[in-house]
């Protein structure tokens, strides 16, 4: 774990990713498309550094000039 790396709750993950469904996050974890959380007793937390790396690795969308932007 990186120095000063926070452990994020599922609520933190939903806020950071913009997803609204816990089920979506767990589906991504099961499909190996999202970082695996660490288990702390009965709770799970995600390493902030891993979640940030996942976000940074997402493709950047570009919009065509003919599309709507509003």
Protein backbone atom coordinates (compact mmCIF):
# COMPACT_ATOMS: atom_id res chain seq x y z
CA UNK A 1 0.00 0.00 0.00
CA UNK A 2 1.36 3.41 -0.92
CA UNK A 3 2.31 5.81 1.85
CA UNK A 4 -0.72 7.86 2.94
CA UNK A 5 -3.00 5.56 0.91
CA UNK A 6 -6.52 5.76 2.27
CA UNK A 7 -8.92 2.84 2.44
CA UNK A 8 -12.21 3.71 0.75
CA UNK A 9 -15.68 2.50 1.62
CA UNK A 10 -18.20 1.38 -0.95
CA UNK A 11 -19.90 4.77 -0.60
CA UNK A 12 -16.57 6.44 -1.39
CA UNK A 13 -16.24 4.19 -4.45
CA UNK A 14 -19.71 5.10 -5.70
CA UNK A 15 -18.89 8.81 -5.29
CA UNK A 16 -15.50 8.49 -7.00
CA UNK A 17 -16.75 6.49 -9.98
CA UNK A 18 -20.16 8.02 -10.51
CA UNK A 19 -21.81 4.61 -10.41
CA UNK A 20 -25.01 4.55 -8.39
CA UNK A 21 -25.32 0.83 -7.85
CA UNK A 22 -23.39 -1.32 -5.41
CA UNK A 23 -24.28 -4.25 -7.64
CA UNK A 24 -22.45 -2.63 -10.56
CA UNK A 25 -19.25 -2.32 -8.53
CA UNK A 26 -19.42 -5.92 -7.34
CA UNK A 27 -20.14 -7.12 -10.89
CA UNK A 28 -17.03 -5.29 -12.11
CA UNK A 29 -14.96 -6.82 -9.28
CA UNK A 30 -16.18 -10.33 -10.17
CA UNK A 31 -15.36 -9.72 -13.85
CA UNK A 32 -11.81 -8.56 -12.89
CA UNK A 33 -12.59 -5.12 -14.30
CA UNK A 34 -12.31 -3.21 -11.00
CA UNK A 35 -9.80 -3.43 -8.13
CA UNK A 36 -10.39 -6.18 -5.60
CA UNK A 37 -11.08 -4.83 -2.10
CA UNK A 38 -9.22 -5.84 1.04
CA UNK A 39 -11.18 -7.53 3.80
CA UNK A 40 -10.98 -6.02 7.27
CA UNK A 41 -12.86 -8.29 9.62
CA UNK A 42 -16.41 -8.18 8.19
CA UNK A 43 -15.85 -5.03 6.19
CA UNK A 44 -14.25 -4.41 2.83
CA UNK A 45 -12.28 -1.40 1.72
CA UNK A 46 -10.54 -0.40 -1.49
CA UNK A 47 -7.06 1.07 -1.69
CA UNK A 48 -7.41 4.62 -2.97
CA UNK A 49 -4.27 4.29 -5.11
CA UNK A 50 -5.72 1.27 -6.95
CA UNK A 51 -9.04 3.00 -7.56
CA UNK A 52 -7.30 6.15 -8.82
CA UNK A 53 -5.15 4.03 -11.16
CA UNK A 54 -8.31 2.33 -12.47
CA UNK A 55 -9.94 5.72 -13.10
CA UNK A 56 -6.79 7.04 -14.81
CA UNK A 57 -6.73 3.98 -17.09
CA UNK A 58 -10.27 4.59 -18.38
CA UNK A 59 -10.38 5.68 -22.01
CA UNK A 60 -11.03 9.35 -22.52
CA UNK A 61 -14.12 10.00 -24.59
CA UNK A 62 -14.03 12.60 -27.30
CA UNK A 63 -17.02 14.07 -28.98
CA UNK A 64 -17.31 14.65 -32.69
CA UNK A 65 -17.73 18.26 -33.74
CA UNK A 66 -21.11 17.51 -35.29
CA UNK A 67 -22.57 16.11 -32.05
CA UNK A 68 -24.64 17.89 -29.44
CA UNK A 69 -22.82 19.11 -26.38
CA UNK A 70 -25.62 20.44 -24.19
